[in-house]
Amino acid sequence: MLGIAVALAALAGLVDAIAFLSLGGFFASFMSGNSTRLAIGAAGNWQEAGIAASLILAFLGGVIGGTLLGRRMGARRKAVTLGAVAALIALAALIAHPGDLFPALLLAMAMGAVNTLFERDGEVAVGLTYMTGTLVRLGQTLARWIDRDPDTAIDDWMRHLMLWAGFLGGGLTGVGLYWRIDLHALWLAVVTAAALGWWLWPRAKGPVRPEPDALPKVDDASSD
């Protein structure tokens, strides 16, 4: 499942870069950034504050919707949630024009839902759209590995590095495609989400189980 997590981080990076360029500095997946824009806008630019607040609420709605959907889908929750993510991004791609807010709200909802895919004990086990916490955990595990901690192997920090690299690679791809084909670049995200959902569908059998240990273990996955 680590490969799926890295692919989803790349998907998030792709969507976030495209949304950022289209909206002129707002994010589809990075809510710390939007919270900062909300605070700055509240000091005098209410239009920008409204955009940031709308994106935050849309992201939160995606998390709520993804969680409720997952609770009802049992073992197929990942595949079904990815289908919903693909549908949201496809709708955004169909109606998108540079600077339009509504398509960006759909993207934020999709990114919120993505973060519900990996759960442990009912809470997020792997944050797929925010990398600050991932880099902190990368630094911590690297420090323990450098210090020859017997309980820390190279795989422990490589997992976090791969997640960050996936997000970065997706962002670079999104920038390159946006400059060439504009918002049509979103269709790559649609295909990616749909393909991952299709791949996971036949593998979903039996009751929902805790995420395998191959995934990065997270103590505070909500941090970004």
C-alpha atoms as a PDB file:
ATOM      1  CA  MET A   1       0.000   0.000   0.000  1.00  0.00           C
ATOM      2  CA  LEU A   2       2.968   2.356   0.241  1.00  0.00           C
ATOM      3  CA  GLY A   3       2.949   2.644  -3.550  1.00  0.00           C
ATOM      4  CA  ILE A   4      -0.728   3.658  -3.469  1.00  0.00           C
ATOM      5  CA  ALA A   5       0.009   6.259  -0.793  1.00  0.00           C
ATOM      6  CA  VAL A   6       2.863   7.735  -2.854  1.00  0.00           C
ATOM      7  CA  ALA A   7       0.662   7.826  -5.969  1.00  0.00           C
ATOM      8  CA  LEU A   8      -2.059   9.625  -4.021  1.00  0.00           C
ATOM      9  CA  ALA A   9       0.457  12.114  -2.639  1.00  0.00           C
ATOM     10  CA  ALA A  10       1.519  12.785  -6.238  1.00  0.00           C
ATOM     11  CA  LEU A  11      -2.140  13.248  -7.180  1.00  0.00           C
ATOM     12  CA  ALA A  12      -2.515  15.786  -4.365  1.00  0.00           C
ATOM     13  CA  GLY A  13       0.599  17.656  -5.465  1.00  0.00           C
ATOM     14  CA  LEU A  14      -0.666  17.780  -9.044  1.00  0.00           C
ATOM     15  CA  VAL A  15      -4.082  19.135  -8.064  1.00  0.00           C
ATOM     16  CA  ASP A  16      -2.669  21.605  -5.547  1.00  0.00           C
ATOM     17  CA  ALA A  17      -0.215  23.100  -8.039  1.00  0.00           C
ATOM     18  CA  ILE A  18      -2.894  23.511 -10.696  1.00  0.00           C
ATOM     19  CA  ALA A  19      -5.329  25.109  -8.238  1.00  0.00           C
ATOM     20  CA  PHE A  20      -2.636  27.426  -6.887  1.00  0.00           C
ATOM     21  CA  LEU A  21      -1.755  28.697 -10.364  1.00  0.00           C
ATOM     22  CA  SER A  22      -5.391  29.043 -11.395  1.00  0.00           C
ATOM     23  CA  LEU A  23      -6.500  30.894  -8.246  1.00  0.00           C
ATOM     24  CA  GLY A  24      -3.421  33.077  -7.903  1.00  0.00           C
ATOM     25  CA  GLY A  25      -2.113  31.812  -4.600  1.00  0.00           C
ATOM     26  CA  PHE A  26      -4.800  29.698  -2.939  1.00  0.00           C
ATOM     27  CA  PHE A  27      -4.616  25.961  -2.355  1.00  0.00           C
ATOM     28  CA  ALA A  28      -6.824  22.940  -2.963  1.00  0.00           C
ATOM     29  CA  SER A  29      -5.084  20.662  -0.465  1.00  0.00           C
ATOM     30  CA  PHE A  30      -2.887  22.786   1.826  1.00  0.00           C
ATOM     31  CA  MET A  31      -5.230  24.187   4.456  1.00  0.00           C
ATOM     32  CA  SER A  32      -2.478  25.720   6.597  1.00  0.00           C
ATOM     33  CA  GLY A  33      -1.693  27.965   3.648  1.00  0.00           C
ATOM     34  CA  ASN A  34      -5.353  28.840   3.194  1.00  0.00           C
ATOM     35  CA  SER A  35      -5.682  29.519   6.922  1.00  0.00           C
ATOM     36  CA  THR A  36      -2.805  31.991   6.646  1.00  0.00           C
ATOM     37  CA  ARG A  37      -4.501  33.620   3.632  1.00  0.00           C
ATOM     38  CA  LEU A  38      -7.724  33.809   5.675  1.00  0.00           C
ATOM     39  CA  ALA A  39      -5.935  35.562   8.532  1.00  0.00           C
ATOM     40  CA  ILE A  40      -4.228  38.028   6.187  1.00  0.00           C
ATOM     41  CA  GLY A  41      -7.446  38.677   4.273  1.00  0.00           C
ATOM     42  CA  ALA A  42      -9.381  39.239   7.485  1.00  0.00           C
ATOM     43  CA  ALA A  43      -7.072  42.166   8.183  1.00  0.00           C
ATOM     44  CA  GLY A  44      -8.555  44.089   5.290  1.00  0.00           C
ATOM     45  CA  ASN A  45      -9.202  42.083   2.108  1.00  0.00           C
ATOM     46  CA  TRP A  46     -12.511  40.335   2.718  1.00  0.00           C
ATOM     47  CA  GLN A  47     -12.718  38.933  -0.797  1.00  0.00           C
ATOM     48  CA  GLU A  48      -9.511  36.960  -0.282  1.00  0.00           C
ATOM     49  CA  ALA A  49     -10.647  35.957   3.195  1.00  0.00           C
ATOM     50  CA  GLY A  50     -13.876  34.641   1.707  1.00  0.00           C
ATOM     51  CA  ILE A  51     -12.033  32.589  -0.905  1.00  0.00           C
ATOM     52  CA  ALA A  52      -9.758  31.058   1.716  1.00  0.00           C
ATOM     53  CA  ALA A  53     -12.648  30.321   4.079  1.00  0.00           C
ATOM     54  CA  SER A  54     -14.668  28.730   1.272  1.00  0.00           C
ATOM     55  CA  LEU A  55     -11.791  26.426   0.351  1.00  0.00           C
ATOM     56  CA  ILE A  56     -11.283  25.410   3.984  1.00  0.00           C
ATOM     57  CA  LEU A  57     -14.980  24.603   4.381  1.00  0.00           C
ATOM     58  CA  ALA A  58     -14.998  22.646   1.108  1.00  0.00           C
ATOM     59  CA  PHE A  59     -11.982  20.628   2.247  1.00  0.00           C
ATOM     60  CA  LEU A  60     -13.680  19.933   5.577  1.00  0.00           C
ATOM     61  CA  GLY A  61     -16.814  18.882   3.727  1.00  0.00           C
ATOM     62  CA  GLY A  62     -14.749  16.464   1.658  1.00  0.00           C
ATOM     63  CA  VAL A  63     -13.277  14.928   4.801  1.00  0.00           C
ATOM     64  CA  ILE A  64     -16.730  14.529   6.335  1.00  0.00           C
ATOM     65  CA  GLY A  65     -18.207  13.125   3.138  1.00  0.00           C
ATOM     66  CA  GLY A  66     -15.294  10.761   2.557  1.00  0.00           C
ATOM     67  CA  THR A  67     -15.481   9.488   6.126  1.00  0.00           C
ATOM     68  CA  LEU A  68     -19.241   8.898   5.976  1.00  0.00           C
ATOM     69  CA  LEU A  69     -18.921   7.191   2.594  1.00  0.00           C
ATOM     70  CA  GLY A  70     -16.126   4.978   3.851  1.00  0.00           C
ATOM     71  CA  ARG A  71     -18.108   3.938   6.931  1.00  0.00           C
ATOM     72  CA  ARG A  72     -20.885   2.666   4.676  1.00  0.00           C
ATOM     73  CA  MET A  73     -18.810   0.939   2.015  1.00  0.00           C
ATOM     74  CA  GLY A  74     -16.949  -1.564   4.174  1.00  0.00           C
ATOM     75  CA  ALA A  75     -14.015  -3.286   2.490  1.00  0.00           C
ATOM     76  CA  ARG A  76     -14.509  -1.387  -0.767  1.00  0.00           C
ATOM     77  CA  ARG A  77     -14.316   2.034   0.848  1.00  0.00           C
ATOM     78  CA  LYS A  78     -10.992   2.985  -0.775  1.00  0.00           C
ATOM     79  CA  ALA A  79     -12.169   2.099  -4.279  1.00  0.00           C
ATOM     80  CA  VAL A  80     -15.531   3.838  -3.858  1.00  0.00           C
ATOM     81  CA  THR A  81     -13.972   6.928  -2.289  1.00  0.00           C
ATOM     82  CA  LEU A  82     -11.474   7.165  -5.142  1.00  0.00           C
ATOM     83  CA  GLY A  83     -14.378   6.929  -7.576  1.00  0.00           C
ATOM     84  CA  ALA A  84     -15.988   9.892  -5.833  1.00  0.00           C
ATOM     85  CA  VAL A  85     -12.673  11.770  -5.921  1.00  0.00           C
ATOM     86  CA  ALA A  86     -12.354  11.115  -9.663  1.00  0.00           C
ATOM     87  CA  ALA A  87     -15.930  12.329 -10.218  1.00  0.00           C
ATOM     88  CA  LEU A  88     -15.346  15.569  -8.291  1.00  0.00           C
ATOM     89  CA  ILE A  89     -12.144  16.342 -10.186  1.00  0.00           C
ATOM     90  CA  ALA A  90     -13.811  15.461 -13.511  1.00  0.00           C
ATOM     91  CA  LEU A  91     -16.681  17.864 -12.794  1.00  0.00           C
ATOM     92  CA  ALA A  92     -14.162  20.560 -11.887  1.00  0.00           C
ATOM     93  CA  ALA A  93     -12.255  19.921 -15.131  1.00  0.00           C
ATOM     94  CA  LEU A  94     -15.439  20.132 -17.200  1.00  0.00           C
ATOM     95  CA  ILE A  95     -16.497  23.544 -15.870  1.00  0.00           C
ATOM     96  CA  ALA A  96     -13.123  25.044 -14.986  1.00  0.00           C
ATOM     97  CA  HIS A  97     -11.946  28.454 -16.131  1.00  0.00           C
ATOM     98  CA  PRO A  98      -8.835  30.173 -14.726  1.00  0.00           C
ATOM     99  CA  GLY A  99      -9.708  32.062 -11.563  1.00  0.00           C
ATOM    100  CA  ASP A 100     -13.142  30.468 -11.059  1.00  0.00           C
ATOM    101  CA  LEU A 101     -13.789  29.545  -7.453  1.00  0.00           C
ATOM    102  CA  PHE A 102     -16.449  26.843  -7.749  1.00  0.00           C
ATOM    103  CA  PRO A 103     -14.252  24.312  -9.606  1.00  0.00           C
ATOM    104  CA  ALA A 104     -11.549  24.933  -7.001  1.00  0.00           C
ATOM    105  CA  LEU A 105     -14.065  24.150  -4.257  1.00  0.00           C
ATOM    106  CA  LEU A 106     -14.725  20.800  -5.927  1.00  0.00           C
ATOM    107  CA  LEU A 107     -10.986  20.145  -5.988  1.00  0.00           C
ATOM    108  CA  ALA A 108     -10.700  21.013  -2.292  1.00  0.00           C
ATOM    109  CA  MET A 109     -13.543  18.609  -1.519  1.00  0.00           C
ATOM    110  CA  ALA A 110     -11.766  15.889  -3.491  1.00  0.00           C
ATOM    111  CA  MET A 111      -8.527  16.483  -1.598  1.00  0.00           C
ATOM    112  CA  GLY A 112     -10.369  16.340   1.716  1.00  0.00           C
ATOM    113  CA  ALA A 113     -11.842  12.981   0.739  1.00  0.00           C
ATOM    114  CA  VAL A 114      -8.417  11.671  -0.307  1.00  0.00           C
ATOM    115  CA  ASN A 115      -7.180  12.130   3.248  1.00  0.00           C
ATOM    116  CA  THR A 116      -9.761   9.653   4.559  1.00  0.00           C
ATOM    117  CA  LEU A 117      -8.384   6.737   2.544  1.00  0.00           C
ATOM    118  CA  PHE A 118      -5.865   5.498   5.104  1.00  0.00           C
ATOM    119  CA  GLU A 119      -7.257   5.139   8.596  1.00  0.00           C
ATOM    120  CA  ARG A 120      -6.111   3.446  11.771  1.00  0.00           C
ATOM    121  CA  ASP A 121      -8.491   3.171  14.741  1.00  0.00           C
ATOM    122  CA  GLY A 122     -10.931   5.502  13.011  1.00  0.00           C
ATOM    123  CA  GLU A 123      -8.445   8.349  12.486  1.00  0.00           C
ATOM    124  CA  VAL A 124      -6.132   9.393   9.664  1.00  0.00           C
ATOM    125  CA  ALA A 125      -3.047   7.175   9.533  1.00  0.00           C
ATOM    126  CA  VAL A 126      -1.295   8.843   6.590  1.00  0.00           C
ATOM    127  CA  GLY A 127      -1.706  12.496   5.646  1.00  0.00           C
ATOM    128  CA  LEU A 128      -1.586  12.565   1.850  1.00  0.00           C
ATOM    129  CA  THR A 129      -2.016  16.262   1.085  1.00  0.00           C
ATOM    130  CA  TYR A 130       0.107  17.999   3.728  1.00  0.00           C
ATOM    131  CA  MET A 131       3.836  17.556   3.910  1.00  0.00           C
ATOM    132  CA  THR A 132       5.055  19.574   6.909  1.00  0.00           C
ATOM    133  CA  GLY A 133       4.264  16.741   9.299  1.00  0.00           C
ATOM    134  CA  THR A 134       5.802  14.264   6.861  1.00  0.00           C
ATOM    135  CA  LEU A 135       9.049  16.255   6.771  1.00  0.00           C
ATOM    136  CA  VAL A 136       9.103  16.452  10.574  1.00  0.00           C
ATOM    137  CA  ARG A 137       8.767  12.689  10.806  1.00  0.00           C
ATOM    138  CA  LEU A 138      11.410  12.288   8.097  1.00  0.00           C
ATOM    139  CA  GLY A 139      13.794  14.412  10.154  1.00  0.00           C
ATOM    140  CA  GLN A 140      13.018  12.505  13.340  1.00  0.00           C
ATOM    141  CA  THR A 141      13.541   9.069  11.825  1.00  0.00           C
ATOM    142  CA  LEU A 142      16.677  10.242  10.020  1.00  0.00           C
ATOM    143  CA  ALA A 143      18.074  11.511  13.312  1.00  0.00           C
ATOM    144  CA  ARG A 144      17.405   8.184  15.006  1.00  0.00           C
ATOM    145  CA  TRP A 145      18.931   6.294  12.071  1.00  0.00           C
ATOM    146  CA  ILE A 146      22.043   8.514  12.098  1.00  0.00           C
ATOM    147  CA  ASP A 147      22.275   7.917  15.845  1.00  0.00           C
ATOM    148  CA  ARG A 148      22.227   4.145  15.149  1.00  0.00           C
ATOM    149  CA  ASP A 149      18.969   3.546  16.950  1.00  0.00           C
ATOM    150  CA  PRO A 150      18.521  -0.252  16.793  1.00  0.00           C
ATOM    151  CA  ASP A 151      14.765   0.151  16.306  1.00  0.00           C
ATOM    152  CA  THR A 152      15.140   2.431  13.267  1.00  0.00           C
ATOM    153  CA  ALA A 153      15.933   1.042   9.815  1.00  0.00           C
ATOM    154  CA  ILE A 154      16.544   2.852   6.545  1.00  0.00           C
ATOM    155  CA  ASP A 155      13.012   1.942   5.447  1.00  0.00           C
ATOM    156  CA  ASP A 156      11.582   3.974   8.323  1.00  0.00           C
ATOM    157  CA  TRP A 157      12.757   7.308   6.937  1.00  0.00           C
ATOM    158  CA  MET A 158      12.625   6.302   3.266  1.00  0.00           C
ATOM    159  CA  ARG A 159       8.839   5.927   3.522  1.00  0.00           C
ATOM    160  CA  HIS A 160       8.446   9.553   4.552  1.00  0.00           C
ATOM    161  CA  LEU A 161      10.915  10.679   1.892  1.00  0.00           C
ATOM    162  CA  MET A 162       8.960   8.803  -0.778  1.00  0.00           C
ATOM    163  CA  LEU A 163       5.692  10.466   0.263  1.00  0.00           C
ATOM    164  CA  TRP A 164       7.256  13.922   0.091  1.00  0.00           C
ATOM    165  CA  ALA A 165       8.958  13.121  -3.224  1.00  0.00           C
ATOM    166  CA  GLY A 166       5.640  11.907  -4.618  1.00  0.00           C
ATOM    167  CA  PHE A 167       3.912  15.152  -3.648  1.00  0.00           C
ATOM    168  CA  LEU A 168       6.766  17.213  -5.092  1.00  0.00           C
ATOM    169  CA  GLY A 169       6.806  15.207  -8.311  1.00  0.00           C
ATOM    170  CA  GLY A 170       3.064  15.624  -8.705  1.00  0.00           C
ATOM    171  CA  GLY A 171       3.392  19.368  -8.162  1.00  0.00           C
ATOM    172  CA  LEU A 172       6.134  19.665 -10.769  1.00  0.00           C
ATOM    173  CA  THR A 173       4.012  17.690 -13.219  1.00  0.00           C
ATOM    174  CA  GLY A 174       1.023  19.911 -12.515  1.00  0.00           C
ATOM    175  CA  VAL A 175       3.009  23.088 -13.160  1.00  0.00           C
ATOM    176  CA  GLY A 176       4.442  21.748 -16.410  1.00  0.00           C
ATOM    177  CA  LEU A 177       1.071  20.604 -17.700  1.00  0.00           C
ATOM    178  CA  TYR A 178      -0.725  23.780 -16.611  1.00  0.00           C
ATOM    179  CA  TRP A 179       1.613  25.967 -18.635  1.00  0.00           C
ATOM    180  CA  ARG A 180       1.035  23.765 -21.689  1.00  0.00           C
ATOM    181  CA  ILE A 181      -2.620  22.762 -21.598  1.00  0.00           C
ATOM    182  CA  ASP A 182      -4.061  24.961 -18.851  1.00  0.00           C
ATOM    183  CA  LEU A 183      -6.803  23.416 -16.702  1.00  0.00           C
ATOM    184  CA  HIS A 184      -7.087  20.426 -19.032  1.00  0.00           C
ATOM    185  CA  ALA A 185      -4.189  19.148 -16.924  1.00  0.00           C
ATOM    186  CA  LEU A 186      -6.793  18.128 -14.351  1.00  0.00           C
ATOM    187  CA  TRP A 187      -7.756  15.175 -16.536  1.00  0.00           C
ATOM    188  CA  LEU A 188      -4.511  13.472 -15.568  1.00  0.00           C
ATOM    189  CA  ALA A 189      -5.702  13.607 -11.952  1.00  0.00           C
ATOM    190  CA  VAL A 190      -9.072  12.164 -12.995  1.00  0.00           C
ATOM    191  CA  VAL A 191      -7.419   9.257 -14.792  1.00  0.00           C
ATOM    192  CA  THR A 192      -5.055   8.643 -11.873  1.00  0.00           C
ATOM    193  CA  ALA A 193      -7.811   8.548  -9.237  1.00  0.00           C
ATOM    194  CA  ALA A 194     -10.050   6.374 -11.411  1.00  0.00           C
ATOM    195  CA  ALA A 195      -7.225   3.959 -12.218  1.00  0.00           C
ATOM    196  CA  LEU A 196      -6.264   3.578  -8.561  1.00  0.00           C
ATOM    197  CA  GLY A 197      -9.894   2.972  -7.611  1.00  0.00           C
ATOM    198  CA  TRP A 198     -10.257   0.389 -10.378  1.00  0.00           C
ATOM    199  CA  TRP A 199      -7.064  -1.354  -9.253  1.00  0.00           C
ATOM    200  CA  LEU A 200      -8.197  -1.495  -5.628  1.00  0.00           C
ATOM    201  CA  TRP A 201     -11.745  -2.705  -6.327  1.00  0.00           C
ATOM    202  CA  PRO A 202     -11.077  -6.439  -6.915  1.00  0.00           C
ATOM    203  CA  ARG A 203      -8.616  -6.493  -4.017  1.00  0.00           C
ATOM    204  CA  ALA A 204     -11.203  -5.347  -1.493  1.00  0.00           C
ATOM    205  CA  LYS A 205     -12.456  -8.446   0.305  1.00  0.00           C
ATOM    206  CA  GLY A 206     -13.740  -9.054   3.781  1.00  0.00           C
ATOM    207  CA  PRO A 207     -14.077  -6.557   6.648  1.00  0.00           C
ATOM    208  CA  VAL A 208     -12.075  -3.375   6.920  1.00  0.00           C
ATOM    209  CA  ARG A 209      -8.724  -4.064   8.548  1.00  0.00           C
ATOM    210  CA  PRO A 210      -6.122  -1.723  10.055  1.00  0.00           C
ATOM    211  CA  GLU A 211      -3.745  -0.324   7.480  1.00  0.00           C
ATOM    212  CA  PRO A 212      -0.672  -2.531   6.935  1.00  0.00           C
ATOM    213  CA  ASP A 213       2.614  -1.687   8.571  1.00  0.00           C
ATOM    214  CA  ALA A 214       4.117  -0.958   5.140  1.00  0.00           C
ATOM    215  CA  LEU A 215       2.586   2.505   5.450  1.00  0.00           C
ATOM    216  CA  PRO A 216       4.356   5.289   7.322  1.00  0.00           C
ATOM    217  CA  LYS A 217       3.221   5.240  10.921  1.00  0.00           C
ATOM    218  CA  VAL A 218       1.915   8.598  12.038  1.00  0.00           C
ATOM    219  CA  ASP A 219       1.579   9.917  15.562  1.00  0.00           C
ATOM    220  CA  ASP A 220      -0.075  13.205  14.619  1.00  0.00           C
ATOM    221  CA  ALA A 221      -1.334  12.846  11.072  1.00  0.00           C
ATOM    222  CA  SER A 222      -3.452  15.976  11.359  1.00  0.00           C
ATOM    223  CA  SER A 223      -0.402  18.232  11.585  1.00  0.00           C
ATOM    224  CA  ASP A 224       0.538  20.121   8.431  1.00  0.00           C
END
